[in-house]
Amino acid sequence: MIRPAVPERGLVELGRTRGDPDTLALLARDQDTRRLLLLRAVLDAADAADPAVCSTARKARLREDWALLTEADRLRPPANRPRLPADRPRPPGAPAGPRPPAGHPHPPGAAHSPARARLFHPLTGPWALSCLRGLDGRGGPADAHRDRRLRQDLAHFSALAAVAAARAGIPFTVRLTARAGVLALPSLGALHTATGADAPVDVTHRHGRLTLRRPDAPDVVVHLESGIGAWSGALAWTPVRTLPGLLPAAAPLPLDDVDPYRTAPGPGHRGLGGPAVLDDTDHKRWLQAWSGTEAALRSGGAHRVAEAVALLRCLVPLESPPGADGRDSCSATRHEAFGALLASPPQDAVALAATLVHELHHAKLAALGDLVTLHHAGPEARYFAPWKTGPRPYDALLQGVYSHLALADYFQHRALVVPPPDREYAWSRHARYRAQVKAALPALVGSPDLTVRGRRFVDEMAAAYERMAEHPAPRDHTARADAYVKAARALWTQRHTPALPRPKE
């Protein structure tokens, strides 16, 4: 894959924790291209897999699903907008032919076809990686659990294709599989069956209406809504919830508590809550915080709204973190799910805005790292970060400093425009984040592992930190922040210094 070049101006803007529209669009387009290539890798791996791993029948179904997806990709997007390129990865077993575009998967400003809207959705990435793990013969001998997981993963591709075809208005009838009693139709909702086992569901689409037919149960009729979601009078159907677009002209944002790939399988990240299933009360709480998020973001600079509109594609609700007292929250992004933000219920709009700033900068830096080699540092954990109790590798330190620098900038901008008592809270947050950046920044700047472009990026981060001194926080906030970081460093040094690997000379 030929990586598109990030212009010097874009690198400088990103180093300042900003990003002009062209640069943000470049990051998003590159991630979309990577998702198309990931899908091709899945199809090629399935085609090459031993029949014991992926049977002939499964390969045939993949071809059928791809044909349905291809048909959905041929149709013009709504409102007579320009069609997307016709290049597509080849289906398993087909002769070499059109490939995913090597640069941009769609022209700037073009609408997605229904097929690409599904493939570019953030949670398609985790699904594709799960498929690749299951198809990889090097993952060890097949077992019942691995085979079951792979069957479920490949069956989910059928659901993706069906949703794309329904959105495109294509009439069809297909048989899908409810996983452990749940058939998830991405962007639409989920059907809950009476049994907790895998079960067949026949799905028919005609004129914007899906009929879901199960053995020994009444049919469920589902009506597609415009854009996201689908409604039904049946209790067995749960629609995908949404939040209004951040700006008046923006499309609704999925608040996805349905997709089976919304969180990583296995043990969760320490401090993160598990995936949440929302009821109406939970949804109202999210709506209440979200309704003030645009204003809260804008108070930290109009560029914060622009980057959220450009990069955020869905929210995944999490349960409150273990041991939370009602005020604590948790959040995360996943590299393989660019555009998705995982978060527990926000306390208010300002807390949600700060979460967006924090996590979108992790996403920005991860996407930039796919295009630009910033450093050659190894994985050794030896660096002090005031926001973590243990040593951090260089790359994790860079990620942490970058997101904390963005938060310091956000709260400084906010402190300069909001009235008290919000002003005092903003100054306290700014002082804390800036003190944390101050403690960790020298290790970033002084690293011999930075590349030339990485040096330029980190130097711009340092310059952004220095410019904050033009509008200093009140002394009491600064003193408390410095004392906090000093205590954190002393405790960290006591615990970890003797065991740390020696730094490079």
Protein backbone atom coordinates (compact mmCIF):
# COMPACT_ATOMS: atom_id res chain seq x y z
CA MET A 1 0.00 0.00 0.00
CA ILE A 2 1.34 3.42 -0.98
CA ARG A 3 0.79 5.76 1.93
CA PRO A 4 -0.43 9.26 1.07
CA ALA A 5 1.97 11.95 2.20
CA VAL A 6 1.09 14.19 5.13
CA PRO A 7 2.11 17.72 4.11
CA GLU A 8 4.45 19.63 6.40
CA ARG A 9 1.76 22.16 7.23
CA GLY A 10 -0.57 19.36 8.28
CA LEU A 11 2.10 17.79 10.48
CA VAL A 12 2.70 21.16 12.16
CA GLU A 13 -1.02 21.69 12.79
CA LEU A 14 -1.40 18.20 14.25
CA GLY A 15 1.61 18.78 16.50
CA ARG A 16 -0.20 21.82 17.87
CA THR A 17 -3.16 19.50 18.68
CA ARG A 18 -5.15 21.03 15.88
CA GLY A 19 -5.71 19.99 12.29
CA ASP A 20 -6.99 21.79 9.24
CA PRO A 21 -9.97 20.21 7.41
CA ASP A 22 -7.80 18.81 4.61
CA THR A 23 -5.46 17.05 7.04
CA LEU A 24 -8.30 15.58 9.10
CA ALA A 25 -9.96 14.39 5.89
CA LEU A 26 -6.67 12.82 4.81
CA LEU A 27 -6.45 10.83 8.06
CA ALA A 28 -10.04 9.64 7.69
CA ARG A 29 -9.66 8.67 4.03
CA ASP A 30 -6.52 6.71 4.77
CA GLN A 31 -8.28 4.78 7.53
CA ASP A 32 -11.17 4.05 5.15
CA THR A 33 -8.72 2.70 2.58
CA ARG A 34 -7.11 0.49 5.22
CA ARG A 35 -10.52 -0.91 6.09
CA LEU A 36 -11.14 -1.85 2.45
CA LEU A 37 -7.75 -3.53 2.29
CA LEU A 38 -8.52 -5.34 5.53
CA LEU A 39 -11.70 -6.68 4.00
CA ARG A 40 -9.79 -7.88 0.97
CA ALA A 41 -7.37 -9.65 3.31
CA VAL A 42 -10.32 -11.43 4.94
CA LEU A 43 -11.72 -12.56 1.59
CA ASP A 44 -8.33 -13.72 0.32
CA ALA A 45 -7.61 -15.55 3.58
CA ALA A 46 -10.96 -17.32 3.42
CA ASP A 47 -10.33 -18.29 -0.20
CA ALA A 48 -6.93 -19.74 0.68
CA ALA A 49 -8.01 -21.40 3.93
CA ASP A 50 -8.01 -25.15 4.31
CA PRO A 51 -11.55 -26.59 4.03
CA ALA A 52 -11.19 -27.75 7.62
CA VAL A 53 -10.97 -24.08 8.62
CA CYS A 54 -13.34 -22.52 6.06
CA SER A 55 -15.57 -25.04 4.31
CA THR A 56 -16.55 -24.95 0.66
CA ALA A 57 -20.07 -24.00 1.70
CA ARG A 58 -18.81 -21.05 3.76
CA LYS A 59 -16.68 -19.84 0.85
CA ALA A 60 -19.68 -20.04 -1.47
CA ARG A 61 -21.75 -17.98 0.98
CA LEU A 62 -19.00 -15.35 1.12
CA ARG A 63 -19.22 -15.04 -2.66
CA GLU A 64 -22.99 -14.60 -2.47
CA ASP A 65 -22.66 -11.96 0.23
CA TRP A 66 -20.00 -10.12 -1.75
CA ALA A 67 -22.21 -10.13 -4.84
CA LEU A 68 -25.01 -8.53 -2.79
CA LEU A 69 -22.59 -5.97 -1.37
CA THR A 70 -21.27 -5.23 -4.85
CA GLU A 71 -24.79 -4.57 -6.11
CA ALA A 72 -25.37 -2.14 -3.25
CA ASP A 73 -22.12 -0.37 -4.12
CA ARG A 74 -23.22 0.21 -7.72
CA LEU A 75 -26.19 2.35 -6.76
CA ARG A 76 -25.95 6.11 -6.62
CA PRO A 77 -25.86 7.68 -3.16
CA PRO A 78 -28.84 9.77 -2.09
CA ALA A 79 -29.47 13.28 -3.40
CA ASN A 80 -27.74 12.53 -6.74
CA ARG A 81 -24.31 13.04 -5.26
CA PRO A 82 -21.27 11.75 -7.18
CA ARG A 83 -20.91 8.00 -7.33
CA LEU A 84 -18.06 6.35 -5.50
CA PRO A 85 -15.30 4.64 -7.44
CA ALA A 86 -16.31 1.20 -8.68
CA ASP A 87 -13.05 -0.48 -7.61
CA ARG A 88 -13.70 -3.31 -5.21
CA PRO A 89 -11.67 -6.16 -3.74
CA ARG A 90 -12.30 -9.41 -5.59
CA PRO A 91 -14.52 -12.08 -4.03
CA PRO A 92 -13.01 -15.41 -3.02
CA GLY A 93 -12.38 -17.64 -6.00
CA ALA A 94 -12.77 -14.86 -8.55
CA PRO A 95 -9.97 -14.06 -10.98
CA ALA A 96 -7.74 -11.13 -10.17
CA GLY A 97 -9.51 -7.93 -11.14
CA PRO A 98 -10.47 -4.58 -9.63
CA ARG A 99 -8.77 -3.82 -6.34
CA PRO A 100 -9.48 -1.37 -3.54
CA PRO A 101 -8.11 2.05 -4.46
CA ALA A 102 -4.57 2.58 -3.24
CA GLY A 103 -5.12 6.21 -2.31
CA HIS A 104 -8.51 7.69 -1.48
CA PRO A 105 -11.57 5.41 -1.43
CA HIS A 106 -13.87 8.29 -2.34
CA PRO A 107 -13.53 11.85 -3.59
CA PRO A 108 -13.71 14.66 -1.02
CA GLY A 109 -17.29 15.59 -0.28
CA ALA A 110 -18.78 12.54 -1.99
CA ALA A 111 -21.47 10.53 -0.25
CA HIS A 112 -20.85 6.88 0.52
CA SER A 113 -22.75 4.14 -1.24
CA PRO A 114 -24.77 1.96 1.15
CA ALA A 115 -22.08 -0.72 0.83
CA ARG A 116 -19.20 1.60 1.70
CA ALA A 117 -21.17 3.19 4.51
CA ARG A 118 -21.16 -0.26 6.13
CA LEU A 119 -17.55 -1.08 5.33
CA PHE A 120 -16.29 2.29 6.58
CA HIS A 121 -18.25 2.03 9.83
CA PRO A 122 -15.75 1.88 12.71
CA LEU A 123 -16.93 -1.43 14.13
CA THR A 124 -16.32 -3.23 10.84
CA GLY A 125 -12.61 -3.07 11.66
CA PRO A 126 -12.74 -5.24 14.81
CA TRP A 127 -14.96 -7.73 12.97
CA ALA A 128 -12.47 -8.06 10.10
CA LEU A 129 -9.53 -8.57 12.48
CA SER A 130 -11.47 -11.24 14.35
CA CYS A 131 -12.06 -13.02 11.03
CA LEU A 132 -8.36 -12.87 10.17
CA ARG A 133 -7.39 -14.33 13.53
CA GLY A 134 -9.80 -17.20 12.98
CA LEU A 135 -8.59 -17.85 9.44
CA ASP A 136 -4.90 -17.70 10.33
CA GLY A 137 -3.61 -21.26 10.33
CA ARG A 138 -0.63 -20.15 12.40
CA GLY A 139 -2.91 -19.48 15.37
CA GLY A 140 -2.58 -23.08 16.49
CA PRO A 141 -4.70 -26.17 15.96
CA ALA A 142 -8.40 -25.67 15.41
CA ASP A 143 -10.68 -26.27 18.37
CA ALA A 144 -14.42 -26.09 18.97
CA HIS A 145 -14.31 -22.56 20.43
CA ARG A 146 -12.18 -21.15 17.60
CA ASP A 147 -14.32 -22.82 14.94
CA ARG A 148 -17.52 -21.50 16.50
CA ARG A 149 -16.10 -17.99 16.70
CA LEU A 150 -15.06 -18.10 13.05
CA ARG A 151 -18.50 -19.33 11.97
CA GLN A 152 -20.08 -16.43 13.85
CA ASP A 153 -17.63 -13.93 12.36
CA LEU A 154 -18.23 -15.05 8.79
CA ALA A 155 -21.98 -15.14 9.37
CA HIS A 156 -21.78 -11.49 10.43
CA PHE A 157 -20.54 -10.60 6.95
CA SER A 158 -23.91 -11.85 5.67
CA ALA A 159 -25.62 -9.38 8.01
CA LEU A 160 -23.38 -6.53 6.79
CA ALA A 161 -24.25 -7.32 3.17
CA ALA A 162 -27.96 -7.57 3.94
CA VAL A 163 -28.01 -4.18 5.67
CA ALA A 164 -26.16 -2.55 2.75
CA ALA A 165 -28.59 -4.09 0.26
CA ALA A 166 -31.61 -2.99 2.30
CA ARG A 167 -30.26 0.55 2.53
CA ALA A 168 -29.76 0.51 -1.24
CA GLY A 169 -33.39 -0.56 -1.77
CA ILE A 170 -32.50 -3.94 -3.25
CA PRO A 171 -35.17 -6.65 -2.80
CA PHE A 172 -33.74 -9.91 -1.44
CA THR A 173 -34.32 -12.94 0.76
CA VAL A 174 -31.38 -14.39 2.69
CA ARG A 175 -30.86 -16.68 5.63
CA LEU A 176 -28.91 -15.15 8.51
CA THR A 177 -27.85 -16.58 11.86
CA ALA A 178 -28.78 -15.25 15.28
CA ARG A 179 -25.68 -15.52 17.47
CA ALA A 180 -26.50 -16.88 20.92
CA GLY A 181 -30.10 -15.74 20.46
CA VAL A 182 -29.33 -12.31 18.98
CA LEU A 183 -29.28 -11.29 15.33
CA ALA A 184 -27.46 -7.95 15.08
CA LEU A 185 -28.10 -5.92 11.93
CA PRO A 186 -25.48 -3.14 12.02
CA SER A 187 -26.92 0.40 11.95
CA LEU A 188 -30.47 -0.98 12.24
CA GLY A 189 -30.87 -2.91 15.49
CA ALA A 190 -31.08 -6.44 16.86
CA LEU A 191 -33.60 -9.26 16.92
CA HIS A 192 -33.80 -11.31 20.12
CA THR A 193 -34.90 -14.89 19.71
CA ALA A 194 -36.51 -17.09 22.36
CA THR A 195 -33.47 -19.36 22.59
CA GLY A 196 -29.97 -18.52 23.70
CA ALA A 197 -28.47 -20.73 21.00
CA ASP A 198 -27.47 -19.95 17.42
CA ALA A 199 -30.61 -20.05 15.26
CA PRO A 200 -31.50 -19.38 11.60
CA VAL A 201 -33.49 -16.27 10.68
CA ASP A 202 -34.87 -15.76 7.17
CA VAL A 203 -34.73 -12.08 6.23
CA THR A 204 -36.74 -10.61 3.36
CA HIS A 205 -36.51 -7.01 2.20
CA ARG A 206 -39.15 -5.26 0.12
CA HIS A 207 -39.83 -1.51 -0.19
CA GLY A 208 -37.97 -0.39 2.94
CA ARG A 209 -39.40 -3.12 5.12
CA LEU A 210 -37.63 -6.18 6.53
CA THR A 211 -39.53 -9.31 7.49
CA LEU A 212 -37.64 -11.49 9.96
CA ARG A 213 -38.93 -15.06 10.04
CA ARG A 214 -37.94 -17.56 12.74
CA PRO A 215 -39.04 -21.14 13.34
CA ASP A 216 -41.95 -21.42 15.79
CA ALA A 217 -42.25 -17.66 16.35
CA PRO A 218 -44.29 -14.82 14.84
CA ASP A 219 -42.72 -12.83 12.03
CA VAL A 220 -41.13 -9.54 13.02
CA VAL A 221 -41.62 -6.66 10.58
CA VAL A 222 -38.99 -3.91 10.75
CA HIS A 223 -39.29 -0.53 9.02
CA LEU A 224 -36.08 1.20 7.98
CA GLU A 225 -35.62 4.77 9.12
CA SER A 226 -33.63 7.32 7.17
CA GLY A 227 -29.93 7.06 7.83
CA ILE A 228 -29.68 5.07 11.06
CA GLY A 229 -32.06 2.80 12.90
CA ALA A 230 -35.20 0.85 12.17
CA TRP A 231 -38.42 0.57 14.16
CA SER A 232 -40.81 -2.28 14.85
CA GLY A 233 -43.82 -2.83 17.06
CA ALA A 234 -42.43 -6.22 18.09
CA LEU A 235 -40.89 -6.52 21.56
CA ALA A 236 -38.26 -8.86 20.11
CA TRP A 237 -36.70 -5.95 18.18
CA THR A 238 -34.26 -3.43 19.69
CA PRO A 239 -33.38 -0.47 17.45
CA VAL A 240 -29.96 1.15 17.31
CA ARG A 241 -30.16 4.34 19.35
CA THR A 242 -28.85 7.64 18.07
CA LEU A 243 -27.83 11.09 19.20
CA PRO A 244 -28.58 14.21 17.13
CA GLY A 245 -25.83 15.45 14.84
CA LEU A 246 -23.30 17.62 16.64
CA LEU A 247 -24.13 20.43 14.21
CA PRO A 248 -27.60 21.12 12.78
CA ALA A 249 -26.71 19.83 9.31
CA ALA A 250 -24.82 16.77 10.54
CA ALA A 251 -26.26 13.26 10.39
CA PRO A 252 -27.39 11.55 13.61
CA LEU A 253 -24.62 9.79 15.52
CA PRO A 254 -25.06 6.10 16.41
CA LEU A 255 -25.07 5.37 20.14
CA ASP A 256 -24.43 1.71 19.49
CA ASP A 257 -25.27 -0.77 22.23
CA VAL A 258 -26.12 -3.52 19.73
CA ASP A 259 -23.10 -4.35 17.54
CA PRO A 260 -21.38 -7.55 18.77
CA TYR A 261 -17.95 -6.12 17.90
CA ARG A 262 -18.30 -2.88 19.83
CA THR A 263 -15.83 -3.95 22.54
CA ALA A 264 -12.88 -6.31 22.43
CA PRO A 265 -13.52 -9.94 23.46
CA GLY A 266 -11.90 -11.43 26.52
CA PRO A 267 -10.81 -9.65 29.73
CA GLY A 268 -11.49 -5.94 29.64
CA HIS A 269 -8.95 -3.16 30.01
CA ARG A 270 -8.34 -2.39 33.66
CA GLY A 271 -10.50 0.55 34.65
CA LEU A 272 -12.95 0.19 31.77
CA GLY A 273 -16.53 -0.85 32.26
CA GLY A 274 -18.07 -3.55 30.10
CA PRO A 275 -20.38 -2.89 27.15
CA ALA A 276 -23.65 -1.30 28.24
CA VAL A 277 -27.15 -2.09 27.03
CA LEU A 278 -29.20 1.08 27.35
CA ASP A 279 -32.76 1.53 28.50
CA ASP A 280 -34.81 4.68 27.92
CA THR A 281 -33.50 6.31 31.10
CA ASP A 282 -29.89 5.71 30.08
CA HIS A 283 -30.59 7.08 26.61
CA LYS A 284 -32.11 10.26 28.07
CA ARG A 285 -29.04 10.75 30.24
CA TRP A 286 -26.83 10.57 27.17
CA LEU A 287 -29.13 12.92 25.27
CA GLN A 288 -29.03 15.45 28.09
CA ALA A 289 -25.24 15.57 28.17
CA TRP A 290 -24.94 15.47 24.38
CA SER A 291 -27.32 18.40 23.92
CA GLY A 292 -24.75 20.74 25.48
CA THR A 293 -21.63 19.14 24.07
CA GLU A 294 -21.31 21.31 20.96
CA ALA A 295 -21.37 24.49 23.06
CA ALA A 296 -18.94 23.00 25.57
CA LEU A 297 -16.56 22.00 22.80
CA ARG A 298 -16.81 25.40 21.12
CA SER A 299 -15.86 27.14 24.37
CA GLY A 300 -12.50 25.38 24.05
CA GLY A 301 -12.03 26.63 20.48
CA ALA A 302 -14.06 26.23 17.31
CA HIS A 303 -11.46 23.77 16.01
CA ARG A 304 -12.56 21.30 18.70
CA VAL A 305 -16.02 21.13 17.13
CA ALA A 306 -14.55 20.75 13.64
CA GLU A 307 -12.32 17.84 14.63
CA ALA A 308 -15.19 16.04 16.37
CA VAL A 309 -17.39 16.40 13.28
CA ALA A 310 -14.56 15.17 11.04
CA LEU A 311 -13.43 12.18 13.12
CA LEU A 312 -16.28 10.90 15.31
CA ARG A 313 -18.55 8.32 13.67
CA CYS A 314 -20.14 6.46 16.57
CA LEU A 315 -20.29 6.31 20.35
CA VAL A 316 -20.24 2.98 22.18
CA PRO A 317 -21.74 3.22 25.68
CA LEU A 318 -19.92 1.44 28.50
CA GLU A 319 -20.96 0.59 32.03
CA SER A 320 -19.52 2.81 34.74
CA PRO A 321 -16.02 1.63 35.69
CA PRO A 322 -15.55 -0.84 38.56
CA GLY A 323 -15.76 0.88 41.92
CA ALA A 324 -17.08 4.15 40.46
CA ASP A 325 -18.87 6.44 42.91
CA GLY A 326 -21.21 8.00 40.34
CA ARG A 327 -18.77 10.73 39.28
CA ASP A 328 -16.01 8.60 37.80
CA SER A 329 -16.08 7.76 34.13
CA CYS A 330 -14.01 5.76 31.67
CA SER A 331 -13.34 6.03 27.96
CA ALA A 332 -11.19 4.52 25.23
CA THR A 333 -10.54 4.33 21.52
CA ARG A 334 -9.46 1.27 19.52
CA HIS A 335 -6.94 1.58 16.70
CA GLU A 336 -8.82 -0.99 14.63
CA ALA A 337 -12.09 0.92 15.11
CA PHE A 338 -11.11 4.41 13.93
CA GLY A 339 -14.04 6.79 14.42
CA ALA A 340 -15.54 4.98 17.41
CA LEU A 341 -15.34 6.31 20.95
CA LEU A 342 -16.16 4.07 23.92
CA ALA A 343 -17.35 5.87 27.04
CA SER A 344 -19.31 5.38 30.23
CA PRO A 345 -22.26 7.71 30.98
CA PRO A 346 -20.97 11.30 31.12
CA GLN A 347 -21.54 13.45 34.18
CA ASP A 348 -22.39 16.49 32.06
CA ALA A 349 -21.69 18.17 28.72
CA VAL A 350 -18.30 19.56 29.78
CA ALA A 351 -17.14 16.12 30.90
CA LEU A 352 -18.29 14.63 27.60
CA ALA A 353 -16.58 17.39 25.62
CA ALA A 354 -13.32 16.76 27.50
CA THR A 355 -13.65 13.04 26.80
CA LEU A 356 -14.04 13.79 23.09
CA VAL A 357 -10.94 16.00 23.09
CA HIS A 358 -8.93 13.39 24.97
CA GLU A 359 -9.92 10.32 22.94
CA LEU A 360 -10.00 11.98 19.51
CA HIS A 361 -6.38 12.96 20.02
CA HIS A 362 -5.51 9.34 20.65
CA ALA A 363 -7.32 8.55 17.38
CA LYS A 364 -5.59 11.39 15.50
CA LEU A 365 -2.14 10.32 16.64
CA ALA A 366 -2.77 6.65 15.88
CA ALA A 367 -3.98 7.53 12.38
CA LEU A 368 -0.98 9.82 11.86
CA GLY A 369 1.32 7.01 12.98
CA ASP A 370 -0.07 4.85 10.18
CA LEU A 371 1.12 7.46 7.68
CA VAL A 372 4.29 8.88 9.24
CA THR A 373 7.04 7.10 11.19
CA LEU A 374 7.53 9.40 14.15
CA HIS A 375 10.08 7.35 16.12
CA HIS A 376 11.94 4.06 16.29
CA ALA A 377 11.74 3.56 20.05
CA GLY A 378 11.33 0.06 21.39
CA PRO A 379 8.61 -1.32 23.67
CA GLU A 380 10.57 -1.05 26.91
CA ALA A 381 8.51 0.56 29.67
CA ARG A 382 10.79 3.01 31.47
CA TYR A 383 9.24 6.49 31.27
CA PHE A 384 7.45 8.44 33.99
CA ALA A 385 3.93 9.61 33.19
CA PRO A 386 2.09 11.46 35.99
CA TRP A 387 -1.27 10.01 34.88
CA LYS A 388 -0.10 6.38 35.26
CA THR A 389 1.25 4.50 38.27
CA GLY A 390 3.70 2.37 36.27
CA PRO A 391 6.45 3.01 33.69
CA ARG A 392 5.37 3.65 30.10
CA PRO A 393 6.92 2.77 26.73
CA TYR A 394 7.92 5.71 24.57
CA ASP A 395 4.99 5.36 22.19
CA ALA A 396 2.48 5.24 25.05
CA LEU A 397 4.16 8.28 26.60
CA LEU A 398 3.81 10.14 23.30
CA GLN A 399 0.13 9.23 23.15
CA GLY A 400 -0.45 10.36 26.73
CA VAL A 401 1.41 13.66 26.42
CA TYR A 402 -0.41 14.46 23.19
CA SER A 403 -3.88 13.92 24.64
CA HIS A 404 -3.03 15.78 27.86
CA LEU A 405 -1.58 18.69 25.89
CA ALA A 406 -4.87 18.88 23.97
CA LEU A 407 -6.82 18.88 27.24
CA ALA A 408 -4.62 21.63 28.68
CA ASP A 409 -5.29 23.69 25.55
CA TYR A 410 -9.02 22.97 25.66
CA PHE A 411 -9.44 24.02 29.29
CA GLN A 412 -7.25 27.11 28.88
CA HIS A 413 -9.42 28.31 26.02
CA ARG A 414 -12.50 27.55 28.08
CA ALA A 415 -11.16 29.34 31.17
CA LEU A 416 -10.69 32.52 29.14
CA VAL A 417 -14.33 32.70 28.01
CA VAL A 418 -16.62 31.15 30.65
CA PRO A 419 -17.85 32.90 33.80
CA PRO A 420 -17.15 31.72 37.37
CA PRO A 421 -17.49 29.12 38.87
CA ASP A 422 -16.94 27.30 35.56
CA ARG A 423 -13.85 29.45 35.05
CA GLU A 424 -12.21 28.24 38.27
CA TYR A 425 -12.86 24.62 37.37
CA ALA A 426 -11.41 25.16 33.89
CA TRP A 427 -8.27 26.79 35.30
CA SER A 428 -7.78 23.94 37.75
CA ARG A 429 -8.06 21.37 34.94
CA HIS A 430 -5.75 23.38 32.70
CA ALA A 431 -3.13 23.71 35.44
CA ARG A 432 -3.25 19.99 36.25
CA TYR A 433 -2.89 18.88 32.61
CA ARG A 434 -0.17 21.41 31.82
CA ALA A 435 1.84 20.36 34.88
CA GLN A 436 1.56 16.74 33.78
CA VAL A 437 2.75 17.60 30.29
CA LYS A 438 5.64 19.60 31.74
CA ALA A 439 6.83 16.55 33.69
CA ALA A 440 6.76 14.16 30.73
CA LEU A 441 7.65 16.40 27.78
CA PRO A 442 11.46 16.44 28.29
CA ALA A 443 11.64 12.67 27.79
CA LEU A 444 9.83 13.03 24.47
CA VAL A 445 11.92 15.94 23.23
CA GLY A 446 15.20 14.39 24.33
CA SER A 447 14.71 11.00 22.71
CA PRO A 448 17.35 9.92 20.15
CA ASP A 449 14.74 7.63 18.58
CA LEU A 450 12.76 10.42 16.92
CA THR A 451 12.75 10.56 13.13
CA VAL A 452 13.16 13.87 11.34
CA ARG A 453 9.40 14.27 10.97
CA GLY A 454 8.85 12.97 14.49
CA ARG A 455 11.24 15.65 15.77
CA ARG A 456 9.23 18.32 13.95
CA PHE A 457 6.00 16.96 15.42
CA VAL A 458 7.32 16.83 19.00
CA ASP A 459 8.91 20.27 18.67
CA GLU A 460 5.52 21.68 17.72
CA MET A 461 4.02 20.01 20.79
CA ALA A 462 6.69 21.68 22.92
CA ALA A 463 6.01 25.05 21.27
CA ALA A 464 2.29 24.66 21.94
CA TYR A 465 3.08 23.96 25.58
CA GLU A 466 5.29 27.06 25.79
CA ARG A 467 2.62 29.30 24.22
CA MET A 468 0.24 28.47 27.04
CA ALA A 469 2.43 30.62 29.31
CA GLU A 470 0.97 33.68 27.59
CA HIS A 471 -2.22 33.14 29.59
CA PRO A 472 -1.11 31.54 32.87
CA ALA A 473 -3.49 29.95 35.33
CA PRO A 474 -3.93 31.64 38.73
CA ARG A 475 -1.03 30.87 41.07
CA ASP A 476 -3.06 28.80 43.51
CA HIS A 477 -4.13 26.39 40.77
CA THR A 478 -0.57 26.16 39.45
CA ALA A 479 0.86 25.51 42.90
CA ARG A 480 -1.59 22.70 43.62
CA ALA A 481 -0.96 21.12 40.21
CA ASP A 482 2.82 21.26 40.66
CA ALA A 483 2.54 19.72 44.12
CA TYR A 484 0.38 16.92 42.77
CA VAL A 485 2.87 16.04 40.04
CA LYS A 486 5.83 16.30 42.43
CA ALA A 487 4.19 13.82 44.80
CA ALA A 488 3.34 11.49 41.93
CA ARG A 489 6.95 11.56 40.71
CA ALA A 490 8.36 10.88 44.17
CA LEU A 491 6.09 7.86 44.66
CA TRP A 492 6.83 6.56 41.15
CA THR A 493 10.59 6.94 41.64
CA GLN A 494 10.46 5.07 44.94
CA ARG A 495 8.54 2.19 43.39
CA HIS A 496 10.12 1.80 39.98
CA THR A 497 13.55 3.40 39.54
CA PRO A 498 15.67 0.42 40.71
CA ALA A 499 14.01 -1.96 38.23
CA LEU A 500 13.97 0.25 35.15
CA PRO A 501 15.97 -0.69 32.03
CA ARG A 502 18.95 1.55 31.32
CA PRO A 503 18.22 4.36 28.85
CA LYS A 504 20.12 4.68 25.58
CA GLU A 505 23.31 6.67 25.69
